[in-house]
Amino acid sequence: MHILLVNNSPIPVYGYGGTERVIWDLGKTLVQQGHRVSYLVPEGSTCDFGQVLPIRPDEPWEGQIPADVDITHFQFNPRSELSKPYLVTEHGNARKPKPLPRNTVFLSRDHAARYGSSEFVYNGLDWAGYGPVDFDRPRSHYHFLGKAAWGVKNVRGAIRVAKLAGVELDVLGGNRINFKRGFRWTLSRKIHFHGMVGGTQKTGLLNASRGLIFPVRWHEPFGLAVIESLYFGCPVFSTPYGALPELVPVHCGVLSDQASVLAEAVRGNRFDPRACHQHVVEHFGAERMARNYLRMYERVLAGETLNAQAPVIQGPARELPWKN
């Protein structure tokens, strides 16, 4: 099968990367499974296992899709119907209830349900690229991982939990002084800010962490930060929103919308790092993701429409309750 992956961001990802990292690992795994993969992405992108074509967002999609492509997989809403078989993955939470294409899939069961759909494929990552986990390394700090400037990621809540628990916190994805989307200045020297991190710096920090503190205030569509942390043996202390209950079983963390409950769980952390690691390796690898997308591709190529009605987001997804 020849699959065209379409995205508006360049590849490969050298540091932090969400959708970009997922579709890189998806494409590489599909090639390993015997398929041909091409990318339609911004100029300057490179790939050693698939053809790269420059995306031209202002031009019709039909003329940008090679004739020998079997199915086109968009990572955003193309906003036009195509005569060729295509699939869309919705990666976020829409702010307005606009209909999506009927061949849209989502990132988790909860994510799909909030759009009135039951079609989803969990994200997966190529864990070989993350290197080994050092389970014997002493671990004293906890961490937050995400774009701290986004209010829904609730870095303030993570800092509150760390202070209540009396632990040190590494903030991966934010700075001590923030002027974006509301001023924040963190004084405590037990809170360590590392800015946007990637590569060996990121894996080194995760390899030294006792757990992820992640009290998001929106319905997390999936949560790459969660599975990356679990891979490194870090249990998760988070709110119970969106996909979090699907990613974090009871032996891998605690979910609550109350800072005091999460702080108590952090203080009493007795979770088994190897069990956290094994859970994510078994359930959220790139191989499983690729197999599940192949099933979706085959359904579309067989003429099936994945959703009977156009998916539309239902209900609020942001600023969910948090008891600080």
C-alpha atoms as a PDB file:
ATOM      1  CA  MET A   1       0.000   0.000   0.000  1.00  0.00           C
ATOM      2  CA  HIS A   2       1.253   3.516  -0.803  1.00  0.00           C
ATOM      3  CA  ILE A   3       0.279   5.941   1.976  1.00  0.00           C
ATOM      4  CA  LEU A   4       0.647   9.723   1.787  1.00  0.00           C
ATOM      5  CA  LEU A   5       0.952  11.441   5.194  1.00  0.00           C
ATOM      6  CA  VAL A   6       0.036  15.145   5.090  1.00  0.00           C
ATOM      7  CA  ASN A   7       0.922  17.704   7.760  1.00  0.00           C
ATOM      8  CA  ASN A   8       1.599  21.453   8.004  1.00  0.00           C
ATOM      9  CA  SER A   9       4.804  21.096  10.057  1.00  0.00           C
ATOM     10  CA  PRO A  10       8.251  20.039   8.833  1.00  0.00           C
ATOM     11  CA  ILE A  11       9.945  16.727   9.524  1.00  0.00           C
ATOM     12  CA  PRO A  12      11.995  15.325  11.131  1.00  0.00           C
ATOM     13  CA  VAL A  13      11.622  16.640  14.688  1.00  0.00           C
ATOM     14  CA  TYR A  14      14.934  17.413  16.377  1.00  0.00           C
ATOM     15  CA  GLY A  15      13.567  18.506  19.736  1.00  0.00           C
ATOM     16  CA  TYR A  16      10.041  18.679  21.056  1.00  0.00           C
ATOM     17  CA  GLY A  17       7.419  17.404  18.659  1.00  0.00           C
ATOM     18  CA  GLY A  18       3.868  16.143  19.044  1.00  0.00           C
ATOM     19  CA  THR A  19       2.048  15.316  15.818  1.00  0.00           C
ATOM     20  CA  GLU A  20       5.329  15.488  13.919  1.00  0.00           C
ATOM     21  CA  ARG A  21       6.934  12.806  16.061  1.00  0.00           C
ATOM     22  CA  VAL A  22       3.864  10.585  15.820  1.00  0.00           C
ATOM     23  CA  ILE A  23       3.629  10.680  12.027  1.00  0.00           C
ATOM     24  CA  TRP A  24       7.390  10.155  11.699  1.00  0.00           C
ATOM     25  CA  ASP A  25       7.182   7.000  13.802  1.00  0.00           C
ATOM     26  CA  LEU A  26       3.995   5.942  12.000  1.00  0.00           C
ATOM     27  CA  GLY A  27       5.596   6.290   8.574  1.00  0.00           C
ATOM     28  CA  LYS A  28       8.796   4.512   9.566  1.00  0.00           C
ATOM     29  CA  THR A  29       6.857   1.625  11.086  1.00  0.00           C
ATOM     30  CA  LEU A  30       4.579   1.288   8.054  1.00  0.00           C
ATOM     31  CA  VAL A  31       7.682   1.016   5.861  1.00  0.00           C
ATOM     32  CA  GLN A  32       9.107  -1.648   8.171  1.00  0.00           C
ATOM     33  CA  GLN A  33       5.824  -3.538   7.748  1.00  0.00           C
ATOM     34  CA  GLY A  34       6.249  -3.571   3.954  1.00  0.00           C
ATOM     35  CA  HIS A  35       4.321  -0.482   2.840  1.00  0.00           C
ATOM     36  CA  ARG A  36       5.441   2.577   0.920  1.00  0.00           C
ATOM     37  CA  VAL A  37       5.142   5.975   2.621  1.00  0.00           C
ATOM     38  CA  SER A  38       5.426   9.513   1.267  1.00  0.00           C
ATOM     39  CA  TYR A  39       5.063  12.824   3.115  1.00  0.00           C
ATOM     40  CA  LEU A  40       3.372  16.018   1.918  1.00  0.00           C
ATOM     41  CA  VAL A  41       4.953  18.547   4.298  1.00  0.00           C
ATOM     42  CA  PRO A  42       6.619  22.003   4.249  1.00  0.00           C
ATOM     43  CA  GLU A  43       9.737  22.615   2.171  1.00  0.00           C
ATOM     44  CA  GLY A  44      13.003  21.874   3.909  1.00  0.00           C
ATOM     45  CA  SER A  45      11.737  18.578   5.301  1.00  0.00           C
ATOM     46  CA  THR A  46      13.811  15.433   4.818  1.00  0.00           C
ATOM     47  CA  CYS A  47      13.197  11.723   5.296  1.00  0.00           C
ATOM     48  CA  ASP A  48      15.475   8.732   4.760  1.00  0.00           C
ATOM     49  CA  PHE A  49      12.716   6.130   4.415  1.00  0.00           C
ATOM     50  CA  GLY A  50      10.102   7.908   2.291  1.00  0.00           C
ATOM     51  CA  GLN A  51       9.618  10.479  -0.458  1.00  0.00           C
ATOM     52  CA  VAL A  52       9.071  14.082   0.647  1.00  0.00           C
ATOM     53  CA  LEU A  53       6.824  16.396  -1.378  1.00  0.00           C
ATOM     54  CA  PRO A  54       6.420  20.158  -0.676  1.00  0.00           C
ATOM     55  CA  ILE A  55       2.950  21.025   0.585  1.00  0.00           C
ATOM     56  CA  ARG A  56       1.105  23.935  -1.032  1.00  0.00           C
ATOM     57  CA  PRO A  57      -1.839  24.664   1.313  1.00  0.00           C
ATOM     58  CA  ASP A  58      -3.400  27.264  -0.992  1.00  0.00           C
ATOM     59  CA  GLU A  59      -3.650  24.907  -3.965  1.00  0.00           C
ATOM     60  CA  PRO A  60      -6.210  22.093  -4.506  1.00  0.00           C
ATOM     61  CA  TRP A  61      -5.264  18.839  -2.816  1.00  0.00           C
ATOM     62  CA  GLU A  62      -6.130  16.696  -5.823  1.00  0.00           C
ATOM     63  CA  GLY A  63      -3.190  18.037  -7.812  1.00  0.00           C
ATOM     64  CA  GLN A  64      -0.736  17.460  -4.962  1.00  0.00           C
ATOM     65  CA  ILE A  65      -1.504  13.773  -4.442  1.00  0.00           C
ATOM     66  CA  PRO A  66       0.585  11.457  -6.667  1.00  0.00           C
ATOM     67  CA  ALA A  67      -1.447   9.179  -8.938  1.00  0.00           C
ATOM     68  CA  ASP A  68      -0.018   5.997  -7.389  1.00  0.00           C
ATOM     69  CA  VAL A  69      -1.038   6.882  -3.807  1.00  0.00           C
ATOM     70  CA  ASP A  70      -3.625   4.443  -2.422  1.00  0.00           C
ATOM     71  CA  ILE A  71      -4.774   6.550   0.520  1.00  0.00           C
ATOM     72  CA  THR A  72      -4.017  10.047   1.815  1.00  0.00           C
ATOM     73  CA  HIS A  73      -3.852  10.561   5.570  1.00  0.00           C
ATOM     74  CA  PHE A  74      -4.339  14.195   6.652  1.00  0.00           C
ATOM     75  CA  GLN A  75      -3.333  15.388  10.119  1.00  0.00           C
ATOM     76  CA  PHE A  76      -5.774  18.312   9.833  1.00  0.00           C
ATOM     77  CA  ASN A  77      -9.124  19.012   8.235  1.00  0.00           C
ATOM     78  CA  PRO A  78      -8.485  19.506   4.478  1.00  0.00           C
ATOM     79  CA  ARG A  79     -11.717  21.545   4.301  1.00  0.00           C
ATOM     80  CA  SER A  80     -12.670  20.153   0.926  1.00  0.00           C
ATOM     81  CA  GLU A  81     -13.942  16.853  -0.385  1.00  0.00           C
ATOM     82  CA  LEU A  82     -11.560  14.677  -2.370  1.00  0.00           C
ATOM     83  CA  SER A  83     -12.421  12.146  -5.036  1.00  0.00           C
ATOM     84  CA  LYS A  84      -9.481   9.988  -3.895  1.00  0.00           C
ATOM     85  CA  PRO A  85      -9.610   7.868  -0.698  1.00  0.00           C
ATOM     86  CA  TYR A  86      -8.528   9.807   2.353  1.00  0.00           C
ATOM     87  CA  LEU A  87      -8.530   9.722   6.144  1.00  0.00           C
ATOM     88  CA  VAL A  88      -8.270  12.561   8.672  1.00  0.00           C
ATOM     89  CA  THR A  89      -6.857  12.367  12.191  1.00  0.00           C
ATOM     90  CA  GLU A  90      -8.176  15.070  14.511  1.00  0.00           C
ATOM     91  CA  HIS A  91      -5.403  15.863  17.000  1.00  0.00           C
ATOM     92  CA  GLY A  92      -7.007  18.565  19.122  1.00  0.00           C
ATOM     93  CA  ASN A  93     -10.122  20.016  20.718  1.00  0.00           C
ATOM     94  CA  ALA A  94     -12.015  22.330  18.394  1.00  0.00           C
ATOM     95  CA  ARG A  95     -13.059  25.660  19.893  1.00  0.00           C
ATOM     96  CA  LYS A  96     -16.186  25.858  17.725  1.00  0.00           C
ATOM     97  CA  PRO A  97     -18.635  23.081  16.787  1.00  0.00           C
ATOM     98  CA  LYS A  98     -17.767  22.809  13.093  1.00  0.00           C
ATOM     99  CA  PRO A  99     -18.401  19.496  11.274  1.00  0.00           C
ATOM    100  CA  LEU A 100     -15.381  17.367  10.413  1.00  0.00           C
ATOM    101  CA  PRO A 101     -15.080  14.992   7.432  1.00  0.00           C
ATOM    102  CA  ARG A 102     -16.931  11.714   7.982  1.00  0.00           C
ATOM    103  CA  ASN A 103     -13.692   9.751   7.555  1.00  0.00           C
ATOM    104  CA  THR A 104     -12.184  11.359  10.659  1.00  0.00           C
ATOM    105  CA  VAL A 105     -10.625   9.333  13.480  1.00  0.00           C
ATOM    106  CA  PHE A 106      -9.619  10.530  16.937  1.00  0.00           C
ATOM    107  CA  LEU A 107      -6.848   9.849  19.446  1.00  0.00           C
ATOM    108  CA  SER A 108      -8.749   8.099  22.235  1.00  0.00           C
ATOM    109  CA  ARG A 109     -12.143   6.689  23.114  1.00  0.00           C
ATOM    110  CA  ASP A 110     -13.029   9.811  25.108  1.00  0.00           C
ATOM    111  CA  HIS A 111     -11.784  12.117  22.346  1.00  0.00           C
ATOM    112  CA  ALA A 112     -13.974  10.338  19.786  1.00  0.00           C
ATOM    113  CA  ALA A 113     -17.032  10.285  22.049  1.00  0.00           C
ATOM    114  CA  ARG A 114     -16.874  14.037  22.572  1.00  0.00           C
ATOM    115  CA  TYR A 115     -17.267  14.402  18.789  1.00  0.00           C
ATOM    116  CA  GLY A 116     -20.126  11.910  18.626  1.00  0.00           C
ATOM    117  CA  SER A 117     -17.848   9.224  17.149  1.00  0.00           C
ATOM    118  CA  SER A 118     -16.506   5.829  18.175  1.00  0.00           C
ATOM    119  CA  GLU A 119     -13.549   5.779  15.762  1.00  0.00           C
ATOM    120  CA  PHE A 120     -10.106   6.266  17.281  1.00  0.00           C
ATOM    121  CA  VAL A 121      -6.509   5.097  17.104  1.00  0.00           C
ATOM    122  CA  TYR A 122      -4.240   5.546  20.097  1.00  0.00           C
ATOM    123  CA  ASN A 123      -0.969   7.313  19.440  1.00  0.00           C
ATOM    124  CA  GLY A 124       2.133   5.174  19.659  1.00  0.00           C
ATOM    125  CA  LEU A 125       5.845   5.912  19.680  1.00  0.00           C
ATOM    126  CA  ASP A 126       8.974   4.100  18.545  1.00  0.00           C
ATOM    127  CA  TRP A 127      10.415   3.395  21.975  1.00  0.00           C
ATOM    128  CA  ALA A 128      13.717   2.237  20.484  1.00  0.00           C
ATOM    129  CA  GLY A 129      14.433   5.891  19.754  1.00  0.00           C
ATOM    130  CA  TYR A 130      14.159   6.824  23.436  1.00  0.00           C
ATOM    131  CA  GLY A 131      17.005   4.646  24.620  1.00  0.00           C
ATOM    132  CA  PRO A 132      17.231   2.460  27.716  1.00  0.00           C
ATOM    133  CA  VAL A 133      15.619   3.251  31.063  1.00  0.00           C
ATOM    134  CA  ASP A 134      17.882   3.462  34.108  1.00  0.00           C
ATOM    135  CA  PHE A 135      15.711   1.927  36.819  1.00  0.00           C
ATOM    136  CA  ASP A 136      18.606   1.866  39.304  1.00  0.00           C
ATOM    137  CA  ARG A 137      19.341   5.588  39.104  1.00  0.00           C
ATOM    138  CA  PRO A 138      18.442   7.558  42.271  1.00  0.00           C
ATOM    139  CA  ARG A 139      15.374   9.697  41.611  1.00  0.00           C
ATOM    140  CA  SER A 140      14.487  12.656  43.815  1.00  0.00           C
ATOM    141  CA  HIS A 141      12.626  15.193  41.654  1.00  0.00           C
ATOM    142  CA  TYR A 142       9.236  15.052  39.924  1.00  0.00           C
ATOM    143  CA  HIS A 143       8.485  16.680  36.576  1.00  0.00           C
ATOM    144  CA  PHE A 144       5.873  18.539  34.553  1.00  0.00           C
ATOM    145  CA  LEU A 145       6.011  18.081  30.775  1.00  0.00           C
ATOM    146  CA  GLY A 146       4.070  20.278  28.355  1.00  0.00           C
ATOM    147  CA  LYS A 147       3.697  23.785  26.958  1.00  0.00           C
ATOM    148  CA  ALA A 148       3.508  25.661  30.244  1.00  0.00           C
ATOM    149  CA  ALA A 149       2.282  28.838  28.513  1.00  0.00           C
ATOM    150  CA  TRP A 150      -1.000  27.043  27.757  1.00  0.00           C
ATOM    151  CA  GLY A 151      -3.327  27.697  30.666  1.00  0.00           C
ATOM    152  CA  VAL A 152      -5.112  24.381  30.152  1.00  0.00           C
ATOM    153  CA  LYS A 153      -1.860  22.522  30.896  1.00  0.00           C
ATOM    154  CA  ASN A 154      -2.053  24.048  34.394  1.00  0.00           C
ATOM    155  CA  VAL A 155       1.610  24.379  35.337  1.00  0.00           C
ATOM    156  CA  ARG A 156       0.419  26.491  38.287  1.00  0.00           C
ATOM    157  CA  GLY A 157      -1.474  23.466  39.556  1.00  0.00           C
ATOM    158  CA  ALA A 158       1.565  21.228  39.113  1.00  0.00           C
ATOM    159  CA  ILE A 159       3.665  23.682  41.126  1.00  0.00           C
ATOM    160  CA  ARG A 160       0.974  23.774  43.818  1.00  0.00           C
ATOM    161  CA  VAL A 161       0.956  19.968  44.080  1.00  0.00           C
ATOM    162  CA  ALA A 162       4.754  19.870  44.332  1.00  0.00           C
ATOM    163  CA  LYS A 163       4.771  22.506  47.079  1.00  0.00           C
ATOM    164  CA  LEU A 164       2.063  20.706  49.066  1.00  0.00           C
ATOM    165  CA  ALA A 165       3.946  17.427  48.720  1.00  0.00           C
ATOM    166  CA  GLY A 166       7.272  19.026  49.662  1.00  0.00           C
ATOM    167  CA  VAL A 167       9.078  17.791  46.541  1.00  0.00           C
ATOM    168  CA  GLU A 168      11.208  19.443  43.884  1.00  0.00           C
ATOM    169  CA  LEU A 169       9.727  19.840  40.413  1.00  0.00           C
ATOM    170  CA  ASP A 170      11.426  20.047  37.012  1.00  0.00           C
ATOM    171  CA  VAL A 171       9.280  22.027  34.555  1.00  0.00           C
ATOM    172  CA  LEU A 172       9.976  20.784  31.026  1.00  0.00           C
ATOM    173  CA  GLY A 173       8.359  23.170  28.566  1.00  0.00           C
ATOM    174  CA  GLY A 174       8.270  26.450  30.478  1.00  0.00           C
ATOM    175  CA  ASN A 175      10.291  29.317  31.974  1.00  0.00           C
ATOM    176  CA  ARG A 176      10.382  30.870  35.441  1.00  0.00           C
ATOM    177  CA  ILE A 177       8.922  34.145  34.161  1.00  0.00           C
ATOM    178  CA  ASN A 178       6.108  33.874  31.632  1.00  0.00           C
ATOM    179  CA  PHE A 179       4.420  36.751  29.810  1.00  0.00           C
ATOM    180  CA  LYS A 180       2.367  34.637  27.418  1.00  0.00           C
ATOM    181  CA  ARG A 181      -1.351  34.126  28.002  1.00  0.00           C
ATOM    182  CA  GLY A 182      -1.221  35.677  31.471  1.00  0.00           C
ATOM    183  CA  PHE A 183       1.743  36.765  33.604  1.00  0.00           C
ATOM    184  CA  ARG A 184       3.328  34.120  35.857  1.00  0.00           C
ATOM    185  CA  TRP A 185       6.438  34.497  38.013  1.00  0.00           C
ATOM    186  CA  THR A 186       7.550  31.522  40.089  1.00  0.00           C
ATOM    187  CA  LEU A 187       9.824  32.367  43.011  1.00  0.00           C
ATOM    188  CA  SER A 188      10.409  28.978  44.659  1.00  0.00           C
ATOM    189  CA  ARG A 189      13.885  27.556  44.106  1.00  0.00           C
ATOM    190  CA  LYS A 190      12.463  24.048  44.479  1.00  0.00           C
ATOM    191  CA  ILE A 191      10.864  24.546  41.070  1.00  0.00           C
ATOM    192  CA  HIS A 192      13.415  24.169  38.262  1.00  0.00           C
ATOM    193  CA  PHE A 193      12.603  25.492  34.782  1.00  0.00           C
ATOM    194  CA  HIS A 194      14.287  23.947  31.749  1.00  0.00           C
ATOM    195  CA  GLY A 195      12.429  25.630  28.863  1.00  0.00           C
ATOM    196  CA  MET A 196      11.555  23.615  25.767  1.00  0.00           C
ATOM    197  CA  VAL A 197      13.632  20.453  25.861  1.00  0.00           C
ATOM    198  CA  GLY A 198      14.243  17.553  23.521  1.00  0.00           C
ATOM    199  CA  GLY A 199      16.719  14.833  22.678  1.00  0.00           C
ATOM    200  CA  THR A 200      19.179  13.650  25.304  1.00  0.00           C
ATOM    201  CA  GLN A 201      18.406  16.553  27.657  1.00  0.00           C
ATOM    202  CA  LYS A 202      14.759  15.535  27.812  1.00  0.00           C
ATOM    203  CA  THR A 203      15.408  11.812  28.184  1.00  0.00           C
ATOM    204  CA  GLY A 204      18.024  12.525  30.851  1.00  0.00           C
ATOM    205  CA  LEU A 205      15.544  14.522  32.922  1.00  0.00           C
ATOM    206  CA  LEU A 206      12.834  11.873  32.539  1.00  0.00           C
ATOM    207  CA  ASN A 207      15.305   9.150  33.498  1.00  0.00           C
ATOM    208  CA  ALA A 208      15.904  11.021  36.781  1.00  0.00           C
ATOM    209  CA  SER A 209      12.253  11.684  37.688  1.00  0.00           C
ATOM    210  CA  ARG A 210      10.066   9.940  40.275  1.00  0.00           C
ATOM    211  CA  GLY A 211       6.838  10.868  38.505  1.00  0.00           C
ATOM    212  CA  LEU A 212       4.837  13.204  36.257  1.00  0.00           C
ATOM    213  CA  ILE A 213       2.632  15.872  37.870  1.00  0.00           C
ATOM    214  CA  PHE A 214       0.150  16.808  35.159  1.00  0.00           C
ATOM    215  CA  PRO A 215      -3.108  18.413  36.416  1.00  0.00           C
ATOM    216  CA  VAL A 216      -4.514  19.493  33.040  1.00  0.00           C
ATOM    217  CA  ARG A 217      -7.702  21.556  32.938  1.00  0.00           C
ATOM    218  CA  TRP A 218      -9.034  20.356  29.615  1.00  0.00           C
ATOM    219  CA  HIS A 219     -10.066  17.058  28.081  1.00  0.00           C
ATOM    220  CA  GLU A 220      -6.647  15.826  26.977  1.00  0.00           C
ATOM    221  CA  PRO A 221      -7.164  14.304  23.482  1.00  0.00           C
ATOM    222  CA  PHE A 222      -4.358  11.838  24.151  1.00  0.00           C
ATOM    223  CA  GLY A 223      -1.261  12.869  26.114  1.00  0.00           C
ATOM    224  CA  LEU A 224       2.161  12.087  24.637  1.00  0.00           C
ATOM    225  CA  ALA A 225       3.723  13.536  27.794  1.00  0.00           C
ATOM    226  CA  VAL A 226       1.946  10.815  29.743  1.00  0.00           C
ATOM    227  CA  ILE A 227       3.186   7.850  27.738  1.00  0.00           C
ATOM    228  CA  GLU A 228       6.717   9.282  27.446  1.00  0.00           C
ATOM    229  CA  SER A 229       6.824   9.618  31.228  1.00  0.00           C
ATOM    230  CA  LEU A 230       5.456   6.130  31.819  1.00  0.00           C
ATOM    231  CA  TYR A 231       8.101   4.729  29.476  1.00  0.00           C
ATOM    232  CA  PHE A 232      10.771   6.088  31.812  1.00  0.00           C
ATOM    233  CA  GLY A 233       9.100   4.444  34.785  1.00  0.00           C
ATOM    234  CA  CYS A 234       7.381   7.603  36.024  1.00  0.00           C
ATOM    235  CA  PRO A 235       3.899   7.154  37.539  1.00  0.00           C
ATOM    236  CA  VAL A 236       1.387   9.851  36.628  1.00  0.00           C
ATOM    237  CA  PHE A 237      -0.393  12.210  39.041  1.00  0.00           C
ATOM    238  CA  SER A 238      -3.030  13.976  36.993  1.00  0.00           C
ATOM    239  CA  THR A 239      -6.605  15.129  36.645  1.00  0.00           C
ATOM    240  CA  PRO A 240      -9.147  12.571  35.351  1.00  0.00           C
ATOM    241  CA  TYR A 241      -9.948  14.439  32.138  1.00  0.00           C
ATOM    242  CA  GLY A 242     -10.062  13.312  28.528  1.00  0.00           C
ATOM    243  CA  ALA A 243      -7.915  10.310  27.687  1.00  0.00           C
ATOM    244  CA  LEU A 244      -6.112  10.184  31.043  1.00  0.00           C
ATOM    245  CA  PRO A 245      -8.202   7.310  32.497  1.00  0.00           C
ATOM    246  CA  GLU A 246      -7.475   5.299  29.330  1.00  0.00           C
ATOM    247  CA  LEU A 247      -3.719   5.842  29.624  1.00  0.00           C
ATOM    248  CA  VAL A 248      -3.177   5.568  33.382  1.00  0.00           C
ATOM    249  CA  PRO A 249      -4.423   2.392  35.089  1.00  0.00           C
ATOM    250  CA  VAL A 250      -4.525   2.242  38.891  1.00  0.00           C
ATOM    251  CA  HIS A 251      -1.095   0.598  39.109  1.00  0.00           C
ATOM    252  CA  CYS A 252       0.484   3.467  37.148  1.00  0.00           C
ATOM    253  CA  GLY A 253      -0.743   6.579  38.947  1.00  0.00           C
ATOM    254  CA  VAL A 254      -3.485   8.587  40.635  1.00  0.00           C
ATOM    255  CA  LEU A 255      -6.133  10.795  38.997  1.00  0.00           C
ATOM    256  CA  SER A 256      -7.938  13.560  40.900  1.00  0.00           C
ATOM    257  CA  ASP A 257      -9.110  17.148  40.389  1.00  0.00           C
ATOM    258  CA  GLN A 258      -7.861  18.108  43.872  1.00  0.00           C
ATOM    259  CA  ALA A 259      -4.333  19.325  44.556  1.00  0.00           C
ATOM    260  CA  SER A 260      -4.387  17.915  48.101  1.00  0.00           C
ATOM    261  CA  VAL A 261      -5.255  14.406  46.874  1.00  0.00           C
ATOM    262  CA  LEU A 262      -2.507  14.419  44.255  1.00  0.00           C
ATOM    263  CA  ALA A 263       0.000  15.818  46.771  1.00  0.00           C
ATOM    264  CA  GLU A 264      -0.808  13.026  49.214  1.00  0.00           C
ATOM    265  CA  ALA A 265      -0.344  10.469  46.417  1.00  0.00           C
ATOM    266  CA  VAL A 266       3.022  12.016  45.525  1.00  0.00           C
ATOM    267  CA  ARG A 267       4.165  11.867  49.161  1.00  0.00           C
ATOM    268  CA  GLY A 268       3.148   8.212  49.388  1.00  0.00           C
ATOM    269  CA  ASN A 269       4.482   7.217  45.950  1.00  0.00           C
ATOM    270  CA  ARG A 270       5.146   3.459  45.987  1.00  0.00           C
ATOM    271  CA  PHE A 271       4.432   2.731  42.339  1.00  0.00           C
ATOM    272  CA  ASP A 272       6.605   0.211  40.522  1.00  0.00           C
ATOM    273  CA  PRO A 273       8.584   1.990  37.758  1.00  0.00           C
ATOM    274  CA  ARG A 274       9.015  -1.249  35.824  1.00  0.00           C
ATOM    275  CA  ALA A 275       5.247  -1.831  35.778  1.00  0.00           C
ATOM    276  CA  CYS A 276       4.705   1.701  34.416  1.00  0.00           C
ATOM    277  CA  HIS A 277       7.294   1.064  31.709  1.00  0.00           C
ATOM    278  CA  GLN A 278       5.852  -2.310  30.755  1.00  0.00           C
ATOM    279  CA  HIS A 279       2.313  -0.957  30.521  1.00  0.00           C
ATOM    280  CA  VAL A 280       3.221   1.672  27.952  1.00  0.00           C
ATOM    281  CA  VAL A 281       5.502  -0.598  25.921  1.00  0.00           C
ATOM    282  CA  GLU A 282       2.698  -3.156  25.604  1.00  0.00           C
ATOM    283  CA  HIS A 283      -0.095  -0.717  24.731  1.00  0.00           C
ATOM    284  CA  PHE A 284       1.334   2.428  23.124  1.00  0.00           C
ATOM    285  CA  GLY A 285       4.056   1.425  20.702  1.00  0.00           C
ATOM    286  CA  ALA A 286       4.346   2.510  17.069  1.00  0.00           C
ATOM    287  CA  GLU A 287       3.734  -1.047  15.825  1.00  0.00           C
ATOM    288  CA  ARG A 288       0.263  -1.222  17.375  1.00  0.00           C
ATOM    289  CA  MET A 289      -0.583   2.278  16.134  1.00  0.00           C
ATOM    290  CA  ALA A 290       0.467   1.355  12.596  1.00  0.00           C
ATOM    291  CA  ARG A 291      -1.604  -1.852  12.614  1.00  0.00           C
ATOM    292  CA  ASN A 292      -4.665   0.041  13.808  1.00  0.00           C
ATOM    293  CA  TYR A 293      -4.276   2.736  11.158  1.00  0.00           C
ATOM    294  CA  LEU A 294      -3.898   0.053   8.502  1.00  0.00           C
ATOM    295  CA  ARG A 295      -7.289  -1.316   9.553  1.00  0.00           C
ATOM    296  CA  MET A 296      -8.741   2.174   9.084  1.00  0.00           C
ATOM    297  CA  TYR A 297      -7.088   2.527   5.667  1.00  0.00           C
ATOM    298  CA  GLU A 298      -8.485  -0.834   4.575  1.00  0.00           C
ATOM    299  CA  ARG A 299     -11.995   0.122   5.652  1.00  0.00           C
ATOM    300  CA  VAL A 300     -11.852   3.364   3.658  1.00  0.00           C
ATOM    301  CA  LEU A 301     -10.381   1.626   0.606  1.00  0.00           C
ATOM    302  CA  ALA A 302     -13.203  -0.917   0.800  1.00  0.00           C
ATOM    303  CA  GLY A 303     -15.672   1.940   0.387  1.00  0.00           C
ATOM    304  CA  GLU A 304     -16.759   2.257   4.007  1.00  0.00           C
ATOM    305  CA  THR A 305     -17.535   5.671   5.515  1.00  0.00           C
ATOM    306  CA  LEU A 306     -16.197   5.610   9.066  1.00  0.00           C
ATOM    307  CA  ASN A 307     -18.774   7.908  10.669  1.00  0.00           C
ATOM    308  CA  ALA A 308     -22.456   7.870   9.743  1.00  0.00           C
ATOM    309  CA  GLN A 309     -22.654  11.590  10.538  1.00  0.00           C
ATOM    310  CA  ALA A 310     -20.037  14.322  10.345  1.00  0.00           C
ATOM    311  CA  PRO A 311     -18.299  14.471  13.762  1.00  0.00           C
ATOM    312  CA  VAL A 312     -18.860  17.693  15.724  1.00  0.00           C
ATOM    313  CA  ILE A 313     -17.389  18.550  19.117  1.00  0.00           C
ATOM    314  CA  GLN A 314     -19.924  18.431  21.939  1.00  0.00           C
ATOM    315  CA  GLY A 315     -19.636  20.317  25.200  1.00  0.00           C
ATOM    316  CA  PRO A 316     -16.814  22.356  26.759  1.00  0.00           C
ATOM    317  CA  ALA A 317     -13.277  20.978  26.693  1.00  0.00           C
ATOM    318  CA  ARG A 318     -11.377  23.738  28.511  1.00  0.00           C
ATOM    319  CA  GLU A 319     -11.019  25.283  31.974  1.00  0.00           C
ATOM    320  CA  LEU A 320     -12.342  22.195  33.723  1.00  0.00           C
ATOM    321  CA  PRO A 321     -12.564  22.156  37.547  1.00  0.00           C
ATOM    322  CA  TRP A 322      -9.382  22.194  39.604  1.00  0.00           C
ATOM    323  CA  LYS A 323      -9.383  22.515  43.404  1.00  0.00           C
ATOM    324  CA  ASN A 324      -6.135  24.250  44.245  1.00  0.00           C
END
